[in-house]
Full PDB file with SEQRES, HELIX, SHEET, SSBOND, CRYST1, ORIGX, SCALE, CONECT and MASTER records, all heavy atoms in Angstrom:
SEQRES   1 A   38  VAL ASP LEU ALA ILE GLU ALA CYS LYS LEU LEU LEU VAL          
SEQRES   2 A   38  ASP GLY TYR LYS ILE LYS TRP TYR HIS ILE GLY ASP GLY          
SEQRES   3 A   38  ASN TRP GLY ASN LYS VAL LYS LYS MET ILE GLU GLU              
HELIX    1 AA1 ASP A    2  VAL A   13  1                                  12    
HELIX    2 AA2 GLY A   29  GLU A   37  1                                   9    
CRYST1    1.000    1.000    1.000  90.00  90.00  90.00 P 1           1          
ORIGX1      1.000000  0.000000  0.000000        0.00000                         
ORIGX2      0.000000  1.000000  0.000000        0.00000                         
ORIGX3      0.000000  0.000000  1.000000        0.00000                         
SCALE1      1.000000  0.000000  0.000000        0.00000                         
SCALE2      0.000000  1.000000  0.000000        0.00000                         
SCALE3      0.000000  0.000000  1.000000        0.00000                         
ATOM      1  N   VAL A   1      26.992  31.693 -79.655  1.00  0.00           N  
ATOM      2  CA  VAL A   1      27.822  32.567 -78.900  1.00  0.00           C  
ATOM      3  C   VAL A   1      29.216  32.014 -78.600  1.00  0.00           C  
ATOM      4  O   VAL A   1      30.209  32.768 -78.570  1.00  0.00           O  
ATOM      5  CB  VAL A   1      27.154  33.056 -77.510  1.00  0.00           C  
ATOM      6  CG1 VAL A   1      26.970  31.869 -76.636  1.00  0.00           C  
ATOM      7  CG2 VAL A   1      27.885  34.175 -76.885  1.00  0.00           C  
ATOM      8  N   ASP A   2      29.328  30.739 -78.533  1.00  0.00           N  
ATOM      9  CA  ASP A   2      30.654  30.042 -78.310  1.00  0.00           C  
ATOM     10  C   ASP A   2      31.533  30.214 -79.578  1.00  0.00           C  
ATOM     11  O   ASP A   2      32.806  30.464 -79.414  1.00  0.00           O  
ATOM     12  CB  ASP A   2      30.463  28.601 -77.948  1.00  0.00           C  
ATOM     13  CG  ASP A   2      29.667  27.862 -79.018  1.00  0.00           C  
ATOM     14  OD1 ASP A   2      28.677  28.426 -79.513  1.00  0.00           O  
ATOM     15  OD2 ASP A   2      30.044  26.707 -79.333  1.00  0.00           O  
ATOM     16  N   LEU A   3      30.916  30.209 -80.734  1.00  0.00           N  
ATOM     17  CA  LEU A   3      31.616  30.425 -81.928  1.00  0.00           C  
ATOM     18  C   LEU A   3      32.178  31.865 -82.042  1.00  0.00           C  
ATOM     19  O   LEU A   3      33.258  32.164 -82.535  1.00  0.00           O  
ATOM     20  CB  LEU A   3      30.750  30.126 -83.176  1.00  0.00           C  
ATOM     21  CG  LEU A   3      30.172  28.741 -83.333  1.00  0.00           C  
ATOM     22  CD1 LEU A   3      29.290  28.572 -84.515  1.00  0.00           C  
ATOM     23  CD2 LEU A   3      31.269  27.652 -83.345  1.00  0.00           C  
ATOM     24  N   ALA A   4      31.325  32.805 -81.549  1.00  0.00           N  
ATOM     25  CA  ALA A   4      31.745  34.297 -81.518  1.00  0.00           C  
ATOM     26  C   ALA A   4      32.916  34.466 -80.599  1.00  0.00           C  
ATOM     27  O   ALA A   4      33.890  35.142 -80.988  1.00  0.00           O  
ATOM     28  CB  ALA A   4      30.539  35.059 -81.041  1.00  0.00           C  
ATOM     29  N   ILE A   5      32.900  33.840 -79.432  1.00  0.00           N  
ATOM     30  CA  ILE A   5      34.091  33.951 -78.529  1.00  0.00           C  
ATOM     31  C   ILE A   5      35.310  33.383 -79.199  1.00  0.00           C  
ATOM     32  O   ILE A   5      36.416  33.985 -79.030  1.00  0.00           O  
ATOM     33  CB  ILE A   5      33.727  33.218 -77.152  1.00  0.00           C  
ATOM     34  CG1 ILE A   5      32.569  34.010 -76.519  1.00  0.00           C  
ATOM     35  CG2 ILE A   5      34.932  33.099 -76.322  1.00  0.00           C  
ATOM     36  CD1 ILE A   5      32.015  33.275 -75.283  1.00  0.00           C  
ATOM     37  N   GLU A   6      35.230  32.215 -79.792  1.00  0.00           N  
ATOM     38  CA  GLU A   6      36.340  31.646 -80.408  1.00  0.00           C  
ATOM     39  C   GLU A   6      36.855  32.530 -81.565  1.00  0.00           C  
ATOM     40  O   GLU A   6      38.103  32.658 -81.800  1.00  0.00           O  
ATOM     41  CB  GLU A   6      36.035  30.222 -81.002  1.00  0.00           C  
ATOM     42  CG  GLU A   6      35.756  29.184 -79.862  1.00  0.00           C  
ATOM     43  CD  GLU A   6      35.135  28.022 -80.464  1.00  0.00           C  
ATOM     44  OE1 GLU A   6      34.976  27.796 -81.610  1.00  0.00           O  
ATOM     45  OE2 GLU A   6      34.732  27.141 -79.619  1.00  0.00           O  
ATOM     46  N   ALA A   7      36.003  33.068 -82.385  1.00  0.00           N  
ATOM     47  CA  ALA A   7      36.348  33.887 -83.474  1.00  0.00           C  
ATOM     48  C   ALA A   7      37.020  35.167 -82.939  1.00  0.00           C  
ATOM     49  O   ALA A   7      38.043  35.712 -83.551  1.00  0.00           O  
ATOM     50  CB  ALA A   7      35.135  34.322 -84.261  1.00  0.00           C  
ATOM     51  N   CYS A   8      36.499  35.702 -81.864  1.00  0.00           N  
ATOM     52  CA  CYS A   8      37.116  36.893 -81.156  1.00  0.00           C  
ATOM     53  C   CYS A   8      38.630  36.644 -80.808  1.00  0.00           C  
ATOM     54  O   CYS A   8      39.460  37.426 -81.107  1.00  0.00           O  
ATOM     55  CB  CYS A   8      36.376  37.285 -79.996  1.00  0.00           C  
ATOM     56  SG  CYS A   8      36.957  38.714 -79.072  1.00  0.00           S  
ATOM     57  N   LYS A   9      38.849  35.392 -80.243  1.00  0.00           N  
ATOM     58  CA  LYS A   9      40.167  35.052 -79.851  1.00  0.00           C  
ATOM     59  C   LYS A   9      41.073  34.978 -81.071  1.00  0.00           C  
ATOM     60  O   LYS A   9      42.224  35.402 -81.001  1.00  0.00           O  
ATOM     61  CB  LYS A   9      40.159  33.749 -79.024  1.00  0.00           C  
ATOM     62  CG  LYS A   9      41.375  33.445 -78.391  1.00  0.00           C  
ATOM     63  CD  LYS A   9      41.221  32.227 -77.499  1.00  0.00           C  
ATOM     64  CE  LYS A   9      42.495  31.925 -76.784  1.00  0.00           C  
ATOM     65  NZ  LYS A   9      42.367  30.766 -75.796  1.00  0.00           N  
ATOM     66  N   LEU A  10      40.610  34.353 -82.152  1.00  0.00           N  
ATOM     67  CA  LEU A  10      41.390  34.222 -83.437  1.00  0.00           C  
ATOM     68  C   LEU A  10      41.809  35.645 -83.972  1.00  0.00           C  
ATOM     69  O   LEU A  10      42.901  35.839 -84.405  1.00  0.00           O  
ATOM     70  CB  LEU A  10      40.585  33.447 -84.366  1.00  0.00           C  
ATOM     71  CG  LEU A  10      40.409  31.958 -84.014  1.00  0.00           C  
ATOM     72  CD1 LEU A  10      39.497  31.434 -85.111  1.00  0.00           C  
ATOM     73  CD2 LEU A  10      41.769  31.195 -84.085  1.00  0.00           C  
ATOM     74  N   LEU A  11      40.909  36.543 -83.900  1.00  0.00           N  
ATOM     75  CA  LEU A  11      41.170  37.904 -84.421  1.00  0.00           C  
ATOM     76  C   LEU A  11      42.237  38.622 -83.588  1.00  0.00           C  
ATOM     77  O   LEU A  11      43.135  39.263 -84.211  1.00  0.00           O  
ATOM     78  CB  LEU A  11      39.896  38.706 -84.435  1.00  0.00           C  
ATOM     79  CG  LEU A  11      38.820  38.364 -85.445  1.00  0.00           C  
ATOM     80  CD1 LEU A  11      37.515  39.022 -85.137  1.00  0.00           C  
ATOM     81  CD2 LEU A  11      39.314  38.694 -86.852  1.00  0.00           C  
ATOM     82  N   LEU A  12      42.153  38.428 -82.252  1.00  0.00           N  
ATOM     83  CA  LEU A  12      43.213  38.999 -81.446  1.00  0.00           C  
ATOM     84  C   LEU A  12      44.593  38.415 -81.654  1.00  0.00           C  
ATOM     85  O   LEU A  12      45.618  39.083 -81.808  1.00  0.00           O  
ATOM     86  CB  LEU A  12      42.833  38.788 -79.880  1.00  0.00           C  
ATOM     87  CG  LEU A  12      41.661  39.617 -79.427  1.00  0.00           C  
ATOM     88  CD1 LEU A  12      41.471  39.304 -77.940  1.00  0.00           C  
ATOM     89  CD2 LEU A  12      41.887  41.158 -79.579  1.00  0.00           C  
ATOM     90  N   VAL A  13      44.587  37.095 -81.837  1.00  0.00           N  
ATOM     91  CA  VAL A  13      45.890  36.364 -82.136  1.00  0.00           C  
ATOM     92  C   VAL A  13      46.519  36.925 -83.424  1.00  0.00           C  
ATOM     93  O   VAL A  13      47.797  37.085 -83.477  1.00  0.00           O  
ATOM     94  CB  VAL A  13      45.666  34.850 -82.234  1.00  0.00           C  
ATOM     95  CG1 VAL A  13      46.910  34.130 -82.823  1.00  0.00           C  
ATOM     96  CG2 VAL A  13      45.346  34.297 -80.848  1.00  0.00           C  
ATOM     97  N   ASP A  14      45.653  37.243 -84.401  1.00  0.00           N  
ATOM     98  CA  ASP A  14      46.159  37.764 -85.698  1.00  0.00           C  
ATOM     99  C   ASP A  14      46.430  39.256 -85.653  1.00  0.00           C  
ATOM    100  O   ASP A  14      46.651  39.849 -86.663  1.00  0.00           O  
ATOM    101  CB  ASP A  14      45.145  37.438 -86.726  1.00  0.00           C  
ATOM    102  CG  ASP A  14      45.056  35.984 -87.165  1.00  0.00           C  
ATOM    103  OD1 ASP A  14      46.147  35.290 -86.804  1.00  0.00           O  
ATOM    104  OD2 ASP A  14      44.255  35.511 -87.750  1.00  0.00           O  
ATOM    105  N   GLY A  15      46.331  39.875 -84.470  1.00  0.00           N  
ATOM    106  CA  GLY A  15      46.754  41.307 -84.295  1.00  0.00           C  
ATOM    107  C   GLY A  15      45.655  42.361 -84.567  1.00  0.00           C  
ATOM    108  O   GLY A  15      45.969  43.537 -84.622  1.00  0.00           O  
ATOM    109  N   TYR A  16      44.340  41.866 -84.679  1.00  0.00           N  
ATOM    110  CA  TYR A  16      43.304  42.870 -84.887  1.00  0.00           C  
ATOM    111  C   TYR A  16      42.877  43.556 -83.621  1.00  0.00           C  
ATOM    112  O   TYR A  16      42.766  42.939 -82.586  1.00  0.00           O  
ATOM    113  CB  TYR A  16      42.073  42.212 -85.563  1.00  0.00           C  
ATOM    114  CG  TYR A  16      42.337  41.845 -87.020  1.00  0.00           C  
ATOM    115  CD1 TYR A  16      43.024  40.671 -87.392  1.00  0.00           C  
ATOM    116  CD2 TYR A  16      41.915  42.716 -88.055  1.00  0.00           C  
ATOM    117  CE1 TYR A  16      43.297  40.333 -88.734  1.00  0.00           C  
ATOM    118  CE2 TYR A  16      42.178  42.390 -89.353  1.00  0.00           C  
ATOM    119  CZ  TYR A  16      42.842  41.194 -89.698  1.00  0.00           C  
ATOM    120  OH  TYR A  16      43.118  40.952 -91.019  1.00  0.00           O  
ATOM    121  N   LYS A  17      42.782  44.847 -83.755  1.00  0.00           N  
ATOM    122  CA  LYS A  17      42.380  45.629 -82.541  1.00  0.00           C  
ATOM    123  C   LYS A  17      40.810  45.792 -82.570  1.00  0.00           C  
ATOM    124  O   LYS A  17      40.241  46.478 -83.378  1.00  0.00           O  
ATOM    125  CB  LYS A  17      42.969  47.006 -82.550  1.00  0.00           C  
ATOM    126  CG  LYS A  17      44.482  47.020 -82.499  1.00  0.00           C  
ATOM    127  CD  LYS A  17      45.066  48.442 -82.595  1.00  0.00           C  
ATOM    128  CE  LYS A  17      44.643  49.318 -81.426  1.00  0.00           C  
ATOM    129  NZ  LYS A  17      45.303  50.655 -81.497  1.00  0.00           N  
ATOM    130  N   ILE A  18      40.168  44.947 -81.622  1.00  0.00           N  
ATOM    131  CA  ILE A  18      38.658  44.954 -81.675  1.00  0.00           C  
ATOM    132  C   ILE A  18      38.109  44.961 -80.277  1.00  0.00           C  
ATOM    133  O   ILE A  18      38.837  44.704 -79.245  1.00  0.00           O  
ATOM    134  CB  ILE A  18      38.166  43.601 -82.374  1.00  0.00           C  
ATOM    135  CG1 ILE A  18      38.686  42.377 -81.569  1.00  0.00           C  
ATOM    136  CG2 ILE A  18      38.644  43.607 -83.855  1.00  0.00           C  
ATOM    137  CD1 ILE A  18      38.040  41.087 -82.023  1.00  0.00           C  
ATOM    138  N   LYS A  19      36.810  45.316 -80.164  1.00  0.00           N  
ATOM    139  CA  LYS A  19      36.044  45.191 -79.072  1.00  0.00           C  
ATOM    140  C   LYS A  19      34.791  44.405 -79.486  1.00  0.00           C  
ATOM    141  O   LYS A  19      34.072  44.978 -80.473  1.00  0.00           O  
ATOM    142  CB  LYS A  19      35.750  46.488 -78.358  1.00  0.00           C  
ATOM    143  CG  LYS A  19      36.792  47.232 -77.691  1.00  0.00           C  
ATOM    144  CD  LYS A  19      37.225  46.510 -76.424  1.00  0.00           C  
ATOM    145  CE  LYS A  19      38.244  47.446 -75.669  1.00  0.00           C  
ATOM    146  NZ  LYS A  19      38.679  46.798 -74.411  1.00  0.00           N  
ATOM    147  N   TRP A  20      34.426  43.301 -78.981  1.00  0.00           N  
ATOM    148  CA  TRP A  20      33.184  42.490 -79.393  1.00  0.00           C  
ATOM    149  C   TRP A  20      32.233  42.687 -78.242  1.00  0.00           C  
ATOM    150  O   TRP A  20      32.480  42.119 -77.205  1.00  0.00           O  
ATOM    151  CB  TRP A  20      33.577  41.151 -79.689  1.00  0.00           C  
ATOM    152  CG  TRP A  20      32.611  40.336 -80.520  1.00  0.00           C  
ATOM    153  CD1 TRP A  20      31.214  40.353 -80.278  1.00  0.00           C  
ATOM    154  CD2 TRP A  20      32.873  39.476 -81.534  1.00  0.00           C  
ATOM    155  NE1 TRP A  20      30.671  39.501 -81.257  1.00  0.00           N  
ATOM    156  CE2 TRP A  20      31.626  38.947 -82.006  1.00  0.00           C  
ATOM    157  CE3 TRP A  20      34.045  38.884 -82.215  1.00  0.00           C  
ATOM    158  CZ2 TRP A  20      31.533  37.971 -82.993  1.00  0.00           C  
ATOM    159  CZ3 TRP A  20      33.935  38.046 -83.179  1.00  0.00           C  
ATOM    160  CH2 TRP A  20      32.706  37.570 -83.613  1.00  0.00           C  
ATOM    161  N   TYR A  21      31.029  43.195 -78.568  1.00  0.00           N  
ATOM    162  CA  TYR A  21      30.037  43.339 -77.615  1.00  0.00           C  
ATOM    163  C   TYR A  21      28.868  42.311 -77.884  1.00  0.00           C  
ATOM    164  O   TYR A  21      28.598  42.094 -79.021  1.00  0.00           O  
ATOM    165  CB  TYR A  21      29.444  44.795 -77.519  1.00  0.00           C  
ATOM    166  CG  TYR A  21      30.494  45.753 -77.132  1.00  0.00           C  
ATOM    167  CD1 TYR A  21      31.357  46.405 -77.975  1.00  0.00           C  
ATOM    168  CD2 TYR A  21      30.522  46.182 -75.755  1.00  0.00           C  
ATOM    169  CE1 TYR A  21      32.299  47.336 -77.571  1.00  0.00           C  
ATOM    170  CE2 TYR A  21      31.458  47.133 -75.337  1.00  0.00           C  
ATOM    171  CZ  TYR A  21      32.319  47.669 -76.273  1.00  0.00           C  
ATOM    172  OH  TYR A  21      33.330  48.599 -75.793  1.00  0.00           O  
ATOM    173  N   HIS A  22      28.125  41.963 -76.825  1.00  0.00           N  
ATOM    174  CA  HIS A  22      27.041  41.066 -77.021  1.00  0.00           C  
ATOM    175  C   HIS A  22      25.852  41.617 -76.215  1.00  0.00           C  
ATOM    176  O   HIS A  22      25.964  41.922 -75.063  1.00  0.00           O  
ATOM    177  CB  HIS A  22      27.341  39.642 -76.561  1.00  0.00           C  
ATOM    178  CG  HIS A  22      26.290  38.679 -76.770  1.00  0.00           C  
ATOM    179  ND1 HIS A  22      25.096  38.673 -76.069  1.00  0.00           N  
ATOM    180  CD2 HIS A  22      26.106  37.739 -77.793  1.00  0.00           C  
ATOM    181  CE1 HIS A  22      24.299  37.729 -76.487  1.00  0.00           C  
ATOM    182  NE2 HIS A  22      24.910  37.101 -77.548  1.00  0.00           N  
ATOM    183  N   ILE A  23      24.740  41.798 -76.886  1.00  0.00           N  
ATOM    184  CA  ILE A  23      23.421  42.170 -76.214  1.00  0.00           C  
ATOM    185  C   ILE A  23      22.482  41.001 -76.110  1.00  0.00           C  
ATOM    186  O   ILE A  23      22.283  40.290 -77.157  1.00  0.00           O  
ATOM    187  CB  ILE A  23      22.777  43.276 -76.946  1.00  0.00           C  
ATOM    188  CG1 ILE A  23      23.577  44.563 -76.928  1.00  0.00           C  
ATOM    189  CG2 ILE A  23      21.398  43.609 -76.363  1.00  0.00           C  
ATOM    190  CD1 ILE A  23      23.029  45.718 -77.722  1.00  0.00           C  
ATOM    191  N   GLY A  24      22.039  40.624 -74.885  1.00  0.00           N  
ATOM    192  CA  GLY A  24      21.090  39.567 -74.746  1.00  0.00           C  
ATOM    193  C   GLY A  24      21.489  38.742 -73.506  1.00  0.00           C  
ATOM    194  O   GLY A  24      22.622  38.930 -72.915  1.00  0.00           O  
ATOM    195  N   ASP A  25      20.599  37.861 -73.078  1.00  0.00           N  
ATOM    196  CA  ASP A  25      20.966  36.899 -72.026  1.00  0.00           C  
ATOM    197  C   ASP A  25      20.354  35.509 -72.436  1.00  0.00           C  
ATOM    198  O   ASP A  25      19.812  35.384 -73.470  1.00  0.00           O  
ATOM    199  CB  ASP A  25      20.535  37.407 -70.689  1.00  0.00           C  
ATOM    200  CG  ASP A  25      18.968  37.444 -70.517  1.00  0.00           C  
ATOM    201  OD1 ASP A  25      18.265  37.053 -71.525  1.00  0.00           O  
ATOM    202  OD2 ASP A  25      18.376  37.866 -69.490  1.00  0.00           O  
ATOM    203  N   GLY A  26      20.547  34.583 -71.491  1.00  0.00           N  
ATOM    204  CA  GLY A  26      19.990  33.262 -71.840  1.00  0.00           C  
ATOM    205  C   GLY A  26      20.535  32.204 -70.918  1.00  0.00           C  
ATOM    206  O   GLY A  26      21.276  32.502 -69.924  1.00  0.00           O  
ATOM    207  N   ASN A  27      20.183  30.989 -71.175  1.00  0.00           N  
ATOM    208  CA  ASN A  27      20.451  29.808 -70.240  1.00  0.00           C  
ATOM    209  C   ASN A  27      21.948  29.453 -70.268  1.00  0.00           C  
ATOM    210  O   ASN A  27      22.423  28.703 -69.456  1.00  0.00           O  
ATOM    211  CB  ASN A  27      19.628  28.607 -70.571  1.00  0.00           C  
ATOM    212  CG  ASN A  27      19.721  28.137 -71.982  1.00  0.00           C  
ATOM    213  OD1 ASN A  27      20.589  28.601 -72.748  1.00  0.00           O  
ATOM    214  ND2 ASN A  27      18.877  27.200 -72.423  1.00  0.00           N  
ATOM    215  N   TRP A  28      22.745  30.045 -71.179  1.00  0.00           N  
ATOM    216  CA  TRP A  28      24.200  29.789 -71.194  1.00  0.00           C  
ATOM    217  C   TRP A  28      24.977  30.905 -70.478  1.00  0.00           C  
ATOM    218  O   TRP A  28      26.197  31.017 -70.671  1.00  0.00           O  
ATOM    219  CB  TRP A  28      24.691  29.619 -72.643  1.00  0.00           C  
ATOM    220  CG  TRP A  28      24.821  28.275 -73.159  1.00  0.00           C  
ATOM    221  CD1 TRP A  28      24.085  27.190 -72.655  1.00  0.00           C  
ATOM    222  CD2 TRP A  28      25.611  27.799 -74.173  1.00  0.00           C  
ATOM    223  NE1 TRP A  28      24.491  26.060 -73.340  1.00  0.00           N  
ATOM    224  CE2 TRP A  28      25.408  26.465 -74.331  1.00  0.00           C  
ATOM    225  CE3 TRP A  28      26.516  28.424 -75.036  1.00  0.00           C  
ATOM    226  CZ2 TRP A  28      26.175  25.706 -75.331  1.00  0.00           C  
ATOM    227  CZ3 TRP A  28      27.182  27.638 -75.988  1.00  0.00           C  
ATOM    228  CH2 TRP A  28      27.020  26.378 -76.094  1.00  0.00           C  
ATOM    229  N   GLY A  29      24.260  31.746 -69.779  1.00  0.00           N  
ATOM    230  CA  GLY A  29      24.910  32.943 -69.175  1.00  0.00           C  
ATOM    231  C   GLY A  29      26.158  32.696 -68.344  1.00  0.00           C  
ATOM    232  O   GLY A  29      27.219  33.117 -68.653  1.00  0.00           O  
ATOM    233  N   ASN A  30      26.084  31.749 -67.444  1.00  0.00           N  
ATOM    234  CA  ASN A  30      27.196  31.347 -66.580  1.00  0.00           C  
ATOM    235  C   ASN A  30      28.336  30.696 -67.438  1.00  0.00           C  
ATOM    236  O   ASN A  30      29.515  30.954 -67.203  1.00  0.00           O  
ATOM    237  CB  ASN A  30      26.809  30.523 -65.443  1.00  0.00           C  
ATOM    238  CG  ASN A  30      25.941  31.363 -64.448  1.00  0.00           C  
ATOM    239  OD1 ASN A  30      26.070  32.461 -64.304  1.00  0.00           O  
ATOM    240  ND2 ASN A  30      25.136  30.627 -63.773  1.00  0.00           N  
ATOM    241  N   LYS A  31      27.846  29.840 -68.379  1.00  0.00           N  
ATOM    242  CA  LYS A  31      28.840  29.117 -69.184  1.00  0.00           C  
ATOM    243  C   LYS A  31      29.644  30.091 -70.064  1.00  0.00           C  
ATOM    244  O   LYS A  31      30.817  29.914 -70.254  1.00  0.00           O  
ATOM    245  CB  LYS A  31      28.098  28.117 -70.055  1.00  0.00           C  
ATOM    246  CG  LYS A  31      28.995  27.315 -70.952  1.00  0.00           C  
ATOM    247  CD  LYS A  31      28.210  26.146 -71.581  1.00  0.00           C  
ATOM    248  CE  LYS A  31      29.108  25.300 -72.491  1.00  0.00           C  
ATOM    249  NZ  LYS A  31      28.334  24.205 -73.159  1.00  0.00           N  
ATOM    250  N   VAL A  32      28.922  31.114 -70.617  1.00  0.00           N  
ATOM    251  CA  VAL A  32      29.546  32.093 -71.492  1.00  0.00           C  
ATOM    252  C   VAL A  32      30.586  32.882 -70.732  1.00  0.00           C  
ATOM    253  O   VAL A  32      31.693  33.157 -71.197  1.00  0.00           O  
ATOM    254  CB  VAL A  32      28.537  33.012 -72.194  1.00  0.00           C  
ATOM    255  CG1 VAL A  32      29.112  34.177 -72.882  1.00  0.00           C  
ATOM    256  CG2 VAL A  32      27.649  32.148 -73.207  1.00  0.00           C  
ATOM    257  N   LYS A  33      30.231  33.287 -69.455  1.00  0.00           N  
ATOM    258  CA  LYS A  33      31.113  34.071 -68.670  1.00  0.00           C  
ATOM    259  C   LYS A  33      32.404  33.319 -68.427  1.00  0.00           C  
ATOM    260  O   LYS A  33      33.520  33.872 -68.448  1.00  0.00           O  
ATOM    261  CB  LYS A  33      30.440  34.518 -67.362  1.00  0.00           C  
ATOM    262  CG  LYS A  33      29.348  35.564 -67.590  1.00  0.00           C  
ATOM    263  CD  LYS A  33      28.599  35.815 -66.264  1.00  0.00           C  
ATOM    264  CE  LYS A  33      27.471  36.757 -66.482  1.00  0.00           C  
ATOM    265  NZ  LYS A  33      26.677  37.044 -65.212  1.00  0.00           N  
ATOM    266  N   LYS A  34      32.202  32.063 -68.114  1.00  0.00           N  
ATOM    267  CA  LYS A  34      33.404  31.174 -67.936  1.00  0.00           C  
ATOM    268  C   LYS A  34      34.248  30.984 -69.172  1.00  0.00           C  
ATOM    269  O   LYS A  34      35.538  31.037 -68.993  1.00  0.00           O  
ATOM    270  CB  LYS A  34      32.930  29.787 -67.399  1.00  0.00           C  
ATOM    271  CG  LYS A  34      34.030  28.867 -66.983  1.00  0.00           C  
ATOM    272  CD  LYS A  34      33.481  27.462 -66.472  1.00  0.00           C  
ATOM    273  CE  LYS A  34      34.650  26.668 -66.086  1.00  0.00           C  
ATOM    274  NZ  LYS A  34      34.080  25.291 -65.522  1.00  0.00           N  
ATOM    275  N   MET A  35      33.576  30.880 -70.347  1.00  0.00           N  
ATOM    276  CA  MET A  35      34.351  30.792 -71.532  1.00  0.00           C  
ATOM    277  C   MET A  35      35.155  32.028 -71.758  1.00  0.00           C  
ATOM    278  O   MET A  35      36.338  31.961 -72.224  1.00  0.00           O  
ATOM    279  CB  MET A  35      33.373  30.498 -72.733  1.00  0.00           C  
ATOM    280  CG  MET A  35      32.734  29.186 -72.724  1.00  0.00           C  
ATOM    281  SD  MET A  35      31.563  28.981 -74.052  1.00  0.00           S  
ATOM    282  CE  MET A  35      32.556  29.254 -75.416  1.00  0.00           C  
ATOM    283  N   ILE A  36      34.511  33.196 -71.530  1.00  0.00           N  
ATOM    284  CA  ILE A  36      35.248  34.512 -71.669  1.00  0.00           C  
ATOM    285  C   ILE A  36      36.486  34.597 -70.811  1.00  0.00           C  
ATOM    286  O   ILE A  36      37.568  34.970 -71.206  1.00  0.00           O  
ATOM    287  CB  ILE A  36      34.255  35.536 -71.426  1.00  0.00           C  
ATOM    288  CG1 ILE A  36      33.249  35.734 -72.593  1.00  0.00           C  
ATOM    289  CG2 ILE A  36      35.071  37.006 -71.465  1.00  0.00           C  
ATOM    290  CD1 ILE A  36      32.122  36.573 -72.307  1.00  0.00           C  
ATOM    291  N   GLU A  37      36.276  34.187 -69.465  1.00  0.00           N  
ATOM    292  CA  GLU A  37      37.407  34.282 -68.548  1.00  0.00           C  
ATOM    293  C   GLU A  37      38.511  33.259 -68.969  1.00  0.00           C  
ATOM    294  O   GLU A  37      39.704  33.704 -68.932  1.00  0.00           O  
ATOM    295  CB  GLU A  37      36.921  33.872 -67.179  1.00  0.00           C  
ATOM    296  CG  GLU A  37      36.001  34.931 -66.527  1.00  0.00           C  
ATOM    297  CD  GLU A  37      35.353  34.462 -65.229  1.00  0.00           C  
ATOM    298  OE1 GLU A  37      35.643  33.356 -64.800  1.00  0.00           O  
ATOM    299  OE2 GLU A  37      34.510  35.237 -64.613  1.00  0.00           O  
ATOM    300  N   GLU A  38      38.158  32.016 -69.363  1.00  0.00           N  
ATOM    301  CA  GLU A  38      39.172  31.072 -69.693  1.00  0.00           C  
ATOM    302  C   GLU A  38      39.956  31.490 -70.963  1.00  0.00           C  
ATOM    303  O   GLU A  38      41.052  31.050 -71.201  1.00  0.00           O  
ATOM    304  CB  GLU A  38      38.526  29.776 -69.862  1.00  0.00           C  
ATOM    305  CG  GLU A  38      38.029  29.124 -68.546  1.00  0.00           C  
ATOM    306  CD  GLU A  38      37.346  27.797 -68.725  1.00  0.00           C  
ATOM    307  OE1 GLU A  38      36.995  27.448 -69.915  1.00  0.00           O  
ATOM    308  OE2 GLU A  38      37.120  27.145 -67.691  1.00  0.00           O  
TER     309      GLU A  38                                                      
MASTER        0    0    0    2    0    0    0    6  308    1    0    3          
END                                                                             
């Protein structure tokens, strides 16, 4: 999921209009939310 977040950021930098959704939860939940915010 960290790779997905990084890829999402790269797409935005290159000007792509996207919405990236994720279904699921797990032990990285809080970490992922922090990564998204940062």
